[in-house]
N, C-alpha and C. Protein backbone atom coordinates (compact mmCIF):
# COMPACT_ATOMS: atom_id res chain seq x y z
N MET A 1 0.96 -28.40 -11.54
CA MET A 1 1.84 -28.82 -10.17
C MET A 1 1.47 -27.76 -9.58
N ALA A 2 0.88 -27.62 -8.02
CA ALA A 2 0.99 -26.11 -6.73
C ALA A 2 2.62 -26.45 -6.85
N GLY A 3 3.22 -24.86 -6.83
CA GLY A 3 4.31 -24.68 -6.08
C GLY A 3 3.99 -24.90 -4.65
N ARG A 4 5.18 -24.14 -4.03
CA ARG A 4 6.15 -24.15 -2.68
C ARG A 4 4.56 -23.88 -1.89
N TYR A 5 4.55 -22.83 -2.56
CA TYR A 5 3.55 -21.65 -1.65
C TYR A 5 1.58 -21.98 -2.15
N GLY A 6 1.86 -23.19 -2.89
CA GLY A 6 0.34 -22.88 -3.46
C GLY A 6 0.33 -22.84 -4.83
N ASN A 7 -0.86 -22.34 -5.20
CA ASN A 7 -0.80 -22.23 -7.12
C ASN A 7 -1.28 -19.87 -6.91
N LEU A 8 0.41 -19.30 -6.73
CA LEU A 8 -0.21 -18.42 -6.75
C LEU A 8 -0.39 -17.51 -7.33
N ASP A 9 -0.62 -16.71 -8.57
CA ASP A 9 -0.48 -15.75 -9.32
C ASP A 9 0.11 -14.97 -9.26
N TYR A 10 1.66 -14.35 -8.90
CA TYR A 10 2.56 -13.93 -8.71
C TYR A 10 2.33 -12.51 -9.83
N PRO A 11 1.69 -12.91 -10.73
CA PRO A 11 1.73 -11.31 -11.43
C PRO A 11 0.92 -10.52 -11.11
N ARG A 12 -0.37 -10.94 -10.72
CA ARG A 12 -1.65 -10.45 -9.94
C ARG A 12 -1.63 -9.38 -8.61
N LEU A 13 -1.06 -10.60 -8.04
CA LEU A 13 -0.13 -10.31 -6.50
C LEU A 13 0.44 -8.69 -6.40
N THR A 14 1.44 -8.67 -7.50
CA THR A 14 2.38 -7.69 -7.55
C THR A 14 1.78 -6.99 -8.03
N LYS A 15 0.83 -6.49 -8.77
CA LYS A 15 0.37 -5.60 -9.36
C LYS A 15 -1.02 -4.88 -8.76
N THR A 16 -1.86 -5.64 -8.13
CA THR A 16 -2.35 -5.54 -6.87
C THR A 16 -2.10 -4.69 -5.53
N SER A 17 -1.20 -5.13 -5.25
CA SER A 17 -0.49 -4.60 -3.52
C SER A 17 0.11 -3.82 -4.06
N PHE A 18 0.41 -3.50 -5.10
CA PHE A 18 1.31 -2.02 -5.56
C PHE A 18 0.44 -1.27 -5.84
N ALA A 19 -1.17 -1.59 -6.29
CA ALA A 19 -2.06 -0.30 -6.61
C ALA A 19 -2.71 -0.24 -5.50
N PHE A 20 -2.40 -1.40 -4.31
CA PHE A 20 -3.02 -1.24 -2.60
C PHE A 20 -2.30 0.44 -1.80
N GLY A 21 -0.53 0.01 -1.97
CA GLY A 21 0.32 0.53 -1.47
C GLY A 21 -0.34 2.29 -2.29
N VAL A 22 -0.15 2.11 -3.73
CA VAL A 22 -0.76 4.34 -4.15
C VAL A 22 -1.73 4.25 -3.68
N ALA A 23 -2.82 3.41 -2.95
CA ALA A 23 -3.85 4.32 -3.25
C ALA A 23 -3.75 4.35 -1.82
N LEU A 24 -3.61 3.85 -1.00
CA LEU A 24 -3.19 3.55 0.67
C LEU A 24 -2.59 5.42 0.55
N PHE A 25 -1.71 5.47 -0.19
CA PHE A 25 -1.06 6.97 0.24
C PHE A 25 -1.72 7.48 -0.50
N ALA A 26 -2.34 7.45 -1.81
CA ALA A 26 -3.44 8.56 -2.18
C ALA A 26 -4.26 9.01 -1.43
N LEU A 27 -5.10 8.21 -0.80
CA LEU A 27 -6.00 8.94 0.12
C LEU A 27 -5.60 9.44 1.88
N GLY A 28 -3.98 9.31 2.02
CA GLY A 28 -3.95 9.91 3.07
C GLY A 28 -3.52 11.40 2.35
N ALA A 29 -2.74 11.65 1.37
CA ALA A 29 -2.46 12.63 0.79
C ALA A 29 -3.40 13.29 0.86
N LEU A 30 -4.84 12.53 0.38
CA LEU A 30 -5.58 13.95 0.36
C LEU A 30 -6.62 14.06 1.10
N GLY A 31 -6.19 13.07 1.96
CA GLY A 31 -6.89 13.24 3.37
C GLY A 31 -6.14 14.79 4.23
N HIS A 32 -4.60 14.68 4.24
CA HIS A 32 -4.16 15.82 4.45
C HIS A 32 -4.61 17.20 4.01
N VAL A 33 -4.86 17.49 2.20
CA VAL A 33 -4.84 18.19 2.24
C VAL A 33 -6.05 18.78 1.90
N ALA A 34 -7.44 17.38 2.03
CA ALA A 34 -8.52 17.90 1.65
C ALA A 34 -9.70 18.40 2.92
N GLY A 35 -8.88 17.65 4.02
CA GLY A 35 -9.87 17.31 5.30
C GLY A 35 -9.80 18.70 5.96
N PRO A 36 -8.58 19.50 6.22
CA PRO A 36 -8.42 20.80 6.84
C PRO A 36 -9.29 21.43 5.78
N ALA A 37 -9.01 21.41 4.10
CA ALA A 37 -9.95 22.65 3.69
C ALA A 37 -11.52 22.50 3.59
N LEU A 38 -11.85 21.41 3.59
CA LEU A 38 -13.48 21.18 3.91
C LEU A 38 -13.92 20.82 5.26
N PHE A 39 -13.42 20.23 6.66
CA PHE A 39 -13.85 20.39 7.75
C PHE A 39 -13.07 21.62 8.86
N GLY A 40 -12.18 21.88 8.48
CA GLY A 40 -11.54 22.82 8.85
C GLY A 40 -10.85 22.10 9.82
N PRO A 41 -9.98 22.42 11.04
CA PRO A 41 -9.18 21.81 11.86
C PRO A 41 -9.33 20.36 12.20
N LEU A 42 -8.67 19.43 11.90
CA LEU A 42 -8.71 17.82 12.12
C LEU A 42 -7.74 17.78 13.35
N PRO A 43 -8.52 16.62 14.26
CA PRO A 43 -8.31 16.48 14.86
C PRO A 43 -6.62 15.45 15.45
N ALA A 44 -5.83 15.35 16.55
CA ALA A 44 -4.69 14.57 16.36
C ALA A 44 -4.60 13.89 15.06
N TRP A 45 -5.56 12.89 16.02
CA TRP A 45 -5.50 11.40 15.55
C TRP A 45 -6.01 11.19 14.55
N GLU A 46 -7.14 11.75 13.59
CA GLU A 46 -7.00 12.17 11.99
C GLU A 46 -5.47 12.42 11.32
N SER A 47 -4.84 13.77 11.98
CA SER A 47 -3.40 14.13 11.72
C SER A 47 -3.21 12.09 11.29
N VAL A 48 -2.89 11.96 12.41
CA VAL A 48 -1.75 10.88 12.64
C VAL A 48 -2.01 10.05 11.85
N LEU A 49 -3.61 9.16 11.42
CA LEU A 49 -3.97 8.57 10.63
C LEU A 49 -3.57 8.76 9.25
N PHE A 50 -3.41 10.04 8.45
CA PHE A 50 -3.41 10.24 7.16
C PHE A 50 -2.00 9.72 7.65
N THR A 51 -0.84 10.34 8.20
CA THR A 51 -0.03 10.27 8.32
C THR A 51 0.53 8.71 8.18
N ASP A 52 -0.24 8.10 8.95
CA ASP A 52 0.36 6.83 8.75
C ASP A 52 0.31 5.96 7.78
N MET A 53 -1.03 6.37 7.34
CA MET A 53 -1.98 5.78 5.55
C MET A 53 -0.81 6.75 4.84
N GLU A 54 -0.02 7.57 4.64
CA GLU A 54 0.55 7.49 3.42
C GLU A 54 2.15 6.49 3.64
N MET A 55 3.02 6.58 4.85
CA MET A 55 3.64 6.06 4.75
C MET A 55 3.15 4.15 4.94
N ILE A 56 2.67 3.49 5.29
CA ILE A 56 2.64 2.49 5.05
C ILE A 56 1.90 2.04 3.82
N GLY A 57 1.67 3.02 3.04
CA GLY A 57 1.17 2.91 1.53
C GLY A 57 2.81 2.65 0.80
N VAL A 58 3.77 3.79 1.16
CA VAL A 58 4.95 3.65 0.87
C VAL A 58 5.61 2.75 1.01
N ALA A 59 5.07 2.37 2.12
CA ALA A 59 6.22 1.24 2.26
C ALA A 59 6.02 -0.52 1.16
N ILE A 60 4.32 -0.80 1.28
CA ILE A 60 4.02 -1.96 0.56
C ILE A 60 4.02 -1.37 -0.63
N ALA A 61 3.84 -0.39 -1.43
CA ALA A 61 4.44 -0.32 -2.85
C ALA A 61 5.71 -0.24 -3.46
N LEU A 62 6.91 0.34 -2.22
CA LEU A 62 7.53 -0.46 -2.29
C LEU A 62 8.21 -1.64 -2.04
N VAL A 63 7.74 -2.37 -1.38
CA VAL A 63 8.25 -3.64 -0.83
C VAL A 63 7.51 -4.71 -1.88
N SER A 64 6.47 -4.65 -2.28
CA SER A 64 6.04 -5.51 -2.85
C SER A 64 5.78 -6.16 -4.60
N PRO A 65 6.49 -5.40 -4.99
CA PRO A 65 7.61 -6.20 -6.36
C PRO A 65 8.57 -6.42 -5.76
N PHE A 66 9.43 -6.24 -5.06
CA PHE A 66 10.60 -7.36 -4.49
C PHE A 66 9.60 -8.48 -3.87
N LEU A 67 8.94 -8.54 -2.86
CA LEU A 67 8.14 -9.53 -2.77
C LEU A 67 7.62 -10.72 -3.57
N PHE A 68 6.41 -10.25 -4.13
CA PHE A 68 5.70 -10.88 -5.01
C PHE A 68 6.31 -11.30 -6.45
N GLY A 69 7.09 -9.61 -7.20
CA GLY A 69 7.75 -10.04 -8.30
C GLY A 69 9.36 -10.73 -8.02
N ILE A 70 9.90 -10.71 -7.21
CA ILE A 70 11.01 -10.97 -7.06
C ILE A 70 11.17 -12.63 -6.02
N LEU A 71 11.10 -12.49 -5.45
CA LEU A 71 11.72 -13.20 -4.05
C LEU A 71 11.01 -14.66 -3.83
N LEU A 72 9.76 -14.38 -3.90
CA LEU A 72 8.65 -15.26 -3.86
C LEU A 72 8.80 -16.96 -5.25
N PRO A 73 8.81 -15.67 -6.30
CA PRO A 73 8.79 -16.34 -8.08
C PRO A 73 10.25 -17.76 -7.71
N LEU A 74 11.40 -16.76 -7.31
CA LEU A 74 12.96 -17.59 -7.10
C LEU A 74 12.87 -18.27 -5.97
N THR A 75 11.78 -18.42 -5.01
CA THR A 75 12.28 -19.36 -3.91
C THR A 75 10.84 -21.11 -4.49
N GLU A 76 10.52 -20.70 -5.09
CA GLU A 76 10.04 -22.47 -5.79
C GLU A 76 11.00 -23.42 -6.58
């Protein structure tokens, strides 16, 4: 029997979205550290891109366990 939102695998969604957020944060932080060390000064748009990757990664990693692990399973 499908739930209200279809047949969703909440544990898998929680783990993969959390891992995506952590990976996005790690790539942004690595870009901030390794980019200037390997390629010299970065243009402003690349610095903004890495900063946005870090902030969005943290937001996804913090929100996804509550959304897919707690909120959506409780509403079915």
